[in-house]
Amino acid sequence: MERWLLGGLGILLLLIGCANPAPNMAEKDQEVADVAELKRLVLLPITLSISPKDPTQCQGPCNPERDRSEIALAASTFVHSARDYEIVCLDYACPRIPDSVISDAELTTWAASISRWIEENPGKTQLPADLVSILHQIEEAYDVEGILLINGKLRYVQYADIAHWILTLTFSSYYNLFRGHTADLQAHVFAAANGSKLWAGEAVVTQIGQEQVTPTTPAISRYGPRLFEELPKSRAEDACNNC
């Protein structure tokens, strides 16, 4: 009789387990496969290498802080207005978020770590566990579904370049003499839940020297369409009603 009762209890527990299966964490982590399924993105501080490091070596105006701020504002504006994503901009060019639980210094360090991994692992689309853990902290702190990261190089015309161009006497050198700077940019969107890369784009934007002094084209037109031309529009419902 006791054996029969134990057997019946075992069958009952088995049936309950089948009716209420345990959550499959692998399925949860892989539920987003298309960047257009996302709605709310966070833009991390932009990571740029600047050349020359000594501003006195620039042939013309050399203002990397202003230029990187233009890139950040152009990216956040274009991705929101033209691609229908909600953007939480954490770059320090953007207005501060009240009561931010993660410091600017920490966000900048995290963005640099992810950028370094991207550069060292070309072609890979899955972040390692330590960086996924960082994404989870950002996801929880700012209630976002995706992480937008922009990195690249910002290079200004230097006096050494002019000497080289004069010696080579090429037509292209004559044109380059009047360049202000060149921004070689990459953009990446990662799923916050599992760290998989859902989209990537790149653009090289050359800023003519005189335009750098008195911009004739809004920054959003210079950087936004070029860098995010291939980013599909969000198809997701609004992620929050009070954003």
Protein backbone atom coordinates (compact mmCIF):
# COMPACT_ATOMS: atom_id res chain seq x y z
CA MET A 1 0.00 0.00 0.00
CA GLU A 2 2.81 2.40 0.94
CA ARG A 3 4.65 1.54 -2.30
CA TRP A 4 1.47 2.28 -4.28
CA LEU A 5 1.03 5.65 -2.58
CA LEU A 6 4.64 6.66 -3.26
CA GLY A 7 4.29 5.62 -6.87
CA GLY A 8 1.10 7.65 -7.27
CA LEU A 9 2.74 10.69 -5.67
CA GLY A 10 5.67 10.41 -8.07
CA ILE A 11 3.34 10.35 -11.09
CA LEU A 12 1.42 13.36 -9.72
CA LEU A 13 4.61 15.39 -9.28
CA LEU A 14 5.72 14.44 -12.78
CA LEU A 15 2.40 15.65 -14.22
CA ILE A 16 2.67 18.94 -12.32
CA GLY A 17 6.19 19.44 -13.64
CA CYS A 18 5.02 18.88 -17.22
CA ALA A 19 2.13 21.30 -16.83
CA ASN A 20 4.38 24.00 -15.34
CA PRO A 21 7.81 23.60 -16.90
CA ALA A 22 10.69 25.50 -15.38
CA PRO A 23 11.65 28.67 -17.30
CA ASN A 24 14.22 28.04 -19.99
CA MET A 25 16.90 30.67 -19.41
CA ALA A 26 18.55 29.94 -22.74
CA GLU A 27 15.28 30.76 -24.50
CA LYS A 28 14.96 33.99 -22.50
CA ASP A 29 18.48 35.05 -23.42
CA GLN A 30 17.88 34.39 -27.12
CA GLU A 31 14.42 35.87 -27.46
CA VAL A 32 15.61 38.98 -29.37
CA ALA A 33 17.10 38.13 -32.76
CA ASP A 34 16.33 41.31 -34.73
CA VAL A 35 17.37 44.85 -33.80
CA ALA A 36 13.98 46.11 -35.02
CA GLU A 37 12.33 44.16 -32.19
CA LEU A 38 13.94 46.56 -29.72
CA LYS A 39 12.41 49.87 -28.71
CA ARG A 40 14.46 51.43 -25.93
CA LEU A 41 18.24 51.81 -26.39
CA VAL A 42 20.93 53.33 -24.23
CA LEU A 43 23.78 55.23 -25.90
CA LEU A 44 26.97 54.70 -23.93
CA PRO A 45 29.74 57.34 -23.81
CA ILE A 46 31.40 57.48 -27.23
CA THR A 47 34.92 56.03 -27.37
CA LEU A 48 37.25 57.79 -29.82
CA SER A 49 41.01 57.75 -30.29
CA ILE A 50 42.20 61.28 -31.09
CA SER A 51 45.12 62.16 -33.38
CA PRO A 52 47.22 64.15 -32.81
CA LYS A 53 47.17 63.91 -29.04
CA ASP A 54 48.97 67.26 -28.81
CA PRO A 55 46.52 69.94 -30.08
CA THR A 56 49.42 72.29 -30.91
CA GLN A 57 50.27 69.93 -33.77
CA CYS A 58 46.92 70.52 -35.49
CA GLN A 59 47.17 72.57 -38.69
CA GLY A 60 43.76 74.15 -38.14
CA PRO A 61 41.05 74.27 -35.46
CA CYS A 62 41.34 71.23 -33.21
CA ASN A 63 38.42 70.72 -30.81
CA PRO A 64 37.85 66.99 -30.19
CA GLU A 65 35.44 67.54 -27.27
CA ARG A 66 33.12 69.65 -29.42
CA ASP A 67 33.34 67.23 -32.34
CA ARG A 68 32.67 64.12 -30.26
CA SER A 69 29.74 65.92 -28.64
CA GLU A 70 28.32 66.65 -32.10
CA ILE A 71 28.62 62.95 -32.96
CA ALA A 72 26.82 61.91 -29.77
CA LEU A 73 23.97 64.39 -30.20
CA ALA A 74 23.63 63.60 -33.91
CA ALA A 75 23.46 59.87 -33.19
CA SER A 76 20.88 60.12 -30.41
CA THR A 77 18.73 62.57 -32.39
CA PHE A 78 18.78 60.65 -35.68
CA VAL A 79 18.18 57.21 -34.15
CA HIS A 80 15.18 58.60 -32.27
CA SER A 81 13.64 60.85 -34.92
CA ALA A 82 14.39 58.85 -38.07
CA ARG A 83 14.47 55.28 -36.76
CA ASP A 84 11.80 55.45 -34.02
CA TYR A 85 13.87 54.12 -31.10
CA GLU A 86 13.66 55.59 -27.61
CA ILE A 87 17.15 56.75 -26.65
CA VAL A 88 18.65 57.09 -23.19
CA CYS A 89 21.79 59.10 -23.94
CA LEU A 90 24.51 58.55 -21.35
CA ASP A 91 27.27 60.33 -23.22
CA TYR A 92 28.37 63.39 -21.26
CA ALA A 93 27.41 65.61 -24.22
CA CYS A 94 23.77 64.87 -23.39
CA PRO A 95 21.75 66.35 -20.52
CA ARG A 96 22.38 64.61 -17.23
CA ILE A 97 19.93 61.95 -16.07
CA PRO A 98 18.72 62.79 -12.55
CA ASP A 99 19.70 60.28 -9.86
CA SER A 100 21.73 58.15 -12.27
CA VAL A 101 22.81 55.07 -10.32
CA ILE A 102 25.94 54.53 -12.42
CA SER A 103 28.68 57.17 -12.48
CA ASP A 104 29.96 58.79 -15.68
CA ALA A 105 33.43 57.42 -14.94
CA GLU A 106 32.13 53.87 -14.65
CA LEU A 107 30.05 54.15 -17.83
CA THR A 108 33.07 55.51 -19.72
CA THR A 109 35.24 52.64 -18.47
CA TRP A 110 32.60 50.07 -19.47
CA ALA A 111 32.22 51.60 -22.94
CA ALA A 112 36.00 51.50 -23.41
CA SER A 113 36.10 47.83 -22.34
CA ILE A 114 33.40 46.86 -24.85
CA SER A 115 35.11 48.90 -27.60
CA ARG A 116 38.42 47.21 -26.87
CA TRP A 117 36.78 43.77 -27.10
CA ILE A 118 35.22 44.71 -30.45
CA GLU A 119 38.59 45.82 -31.84
CA GLU A 120 40.35 42.69 -30.57
CA ASN A 121 37.64 40.28 -31.77
CA PRO A 122 36.58 41.34 -35.28
CA GLY A 123 33.74 39.28 -36.66
CA LYS A 124 32.55 37.98 -33.29
CA THR A 125 28.95 38.73 -32.37
CA GLN A 126 28.66 37.46 -28.79
CA LEU A 127 30.11 39.40 -25.87
CA PRO A 128 31.89 37.37 -23.16
CA ALA A 129 30.26 36.75 -19.78
CA ASP A 130 32.02 39.59 -17.94
CA LEU A 131 30.80 42.18 -20.45
CA VAL A 132 27.30 40.66 -20.54
CA SER A 133 27.22 41.19 -16.78
CA ILE A 134 27.91 44.89 -17.40
CA LEU A 135 25.05 45.03 -19.91
CA HIS A 136 22.72 43.50 -17.32
CA GLN A 137 23.58 46.26 -14.85
CA ILE A 138 22.86 48.93 -17.47
CA GLU A 139 19.64 47.15 -18.48
CA GLU A 140 18.38 47.12 -14.90
CA ALA A 141 19.48 50.67 -14.08
CA TYR A 142 17.93 52.37 -17.13
CA ASP A 143 15.16 49.98 -18.15
CA VAL A 144 16.50 49.42 -21.68
CA GLU A 145 16.46 46.53 -24.13
CA GLY A 146 19.52 47.34 -26.20
CA ILE A 147 22.96 48.92 -25.90
CA LEU A 148 24.16 51.36 -28.58
CA LEU A 149 27.92 51.84 -28.68
CA ILE A 150 29.87 54.15 -31.00
CA ASN A 151 33.64 53.98 -31.31
CA GLY A 152 36.30 54.94 -33.82
CA LYS A 153 39.02 57.45 -34.67
CA LEU A 154 39.02 61.22 -34.98
CA ARG A 155 41.99 62.56 -36.92
CA TYR A 156 42.88 66.20 -37.54
CA VAL A 157 45.20 67.60 -40.21
CA GLN A 158 48.67 68.05 -38.75
CA TYR A 159 51.62 70.22 -39.75
CA ALA A 160 53.54 67.03 -40.52
CA ASP A 161 50.85 66.10 -43.06
CA ILE A 162 51.30 69.40 -44.87
CA ALA A 163 55.07 68.89 -45.17
CA HIS A 164 54.45 65.43 -46.64
CA TRP A 165 51.84 66.69 -49.12
CA ILE A 166 54.09 69.54 -50.29
CA LEU A 167 56.91 67.08 -50.93
CA THR A 168 54.69 64.64 -52.85
CA LEU A 169 52.91 67.42 -54.80
CA THR A 170 49.84 65.36 -55.60
CA PHE A 171 46.38 66.69 -56.41
CA SER A 172 44.84 64.71 -53.57
CA SER A 173 47.39 66.30 -51.25
CA TYR A 174 46.18 69.75 -52.30
CA TYR A 175 42.62 68.75 -51.35
CA ASN A 176 43.73 67.24 -48.04
CA LEU A 177 45.47 70.49 -47.15
CA PHE A 178 42.06 72.03 -46.46
CA ARG A 179 40.53 69.20 -44.47
CA GLY A 180 39.50 69.88 -40.91
CA HIS A 181 39.18 66.34 -39.57
CA THR A 182 38.14 62.83 -40.53
CA ALA A 183 35.89 60.73 -38.29
CA ASP A 184 36.15 56.98 -38.89
CA LEU A 185 33.17 55.67 -36.93
CA GLN A 186 31.54 52.34 -36.10
CA ALA A 187 28.20 51.79 -34.38
CA HIS A 188 27.05 48.58 -32.68
CA VAL A 189 23.75 47.52 -31.10
CA PHE A 190 23.80 44.68 -28.56
CA ALA A 191 20.85 42.94 -26.93
CA ALA A 192 20.98 43.89 -23.25
CA ALA A 193 19.60 40.49 -22.19
CA ASN A 194 22.37 38.30 -23.59
CA GLY A 195 25.06 40.49 -25.18
CA SER A 196 24.52 39.34 -28.76
CA LYS A 197 25.31 41.87 -31.48
CA LEU A 198 22.15 42.59 -33.46
CA TRP A 199 23.41 45.30 -35.81
CA ALA A 200 26.58 47.14 -36.86
CA GLY A 201 27.28 50.07 -39.16
CA GLU A 202 30.24 52.22 -40.14
CA ALA A 203 30.98 55.51 -41.86
CA VAL A 204 33.91 57.77 -42.68
CA VAL A 205 32.96 61.45 -42.46
CA THR A 206 35.38 64.14 -43.62
CA GLN A 207 34.81 67.63 -42.29
CA ILE A 208 36.15 70.46 -44.47
CA GLY A 209 38.28 72.91 -42.52
CA GLN A 210 36.15 76.01 -43.10
CA GLU A 211 33.00 74.10 -42.17
CA GLN A 212 34.58 73.21 -38.87
CA VAL A 213 34.98 76.89 -38.00
CA THR A 214 31.48 77.89 -39.19
CA PRO A 215 29.37 74.76 -39.71
CA THR A 216 27.08 75.08 -42.71
CA THR A 217 25.53 71.64 -42.36
CA PRO A 218 23.87 70.54 -39.13
CA ALA A 219 25.80 67.80 -37.33
CA ILE A 220 22.83 65.45 -37.53
CA SER A 221 23.03 65.59 -41.35
CA ARG A 222 26.76 64.97 -41.34
CA TYR A 223 26.85 61.99 -39.00
CA GLY A 224 23.34 60.58 -38.46
CA PRO A 225 22.36 59.35 -41.95
CA ARG A 226 25.88 58.26 -42.81
CA LEU A 227 26.37 56.10 -39.73
CA PHE A 228 22.82 54.79 -39.29
CA GLU A 229 21.68 54.57 -42.91
CA GLU A 230 21.25 50.78 -42.69
CA LEU A 231 19.67 50.69 -39.22
CA PRO A 232 16.07 49.44 -39.64
CA LYS A 233 13.23 51.29 -37.99
CA SER A 234 11.96 49.93 -34.70
CA ARG A 235 8.83 47.82 -35.07
CA ALA A 236 8.31 47.45 -31.32
CA GLU A 237 5.54 49.02 -29.29
CA ASP A 238 6.46 51.95 -27.06
CA ALA A 239 8.51 50.59 -24.19
CA CYS A 240 7.40 53.22 -21.69
CA ASN A 241 4.68 55.80 -21.53
CA ASN A 242 6.54 58.42 -19.51
CA CYS A 243 9.86 58.59 -21.41
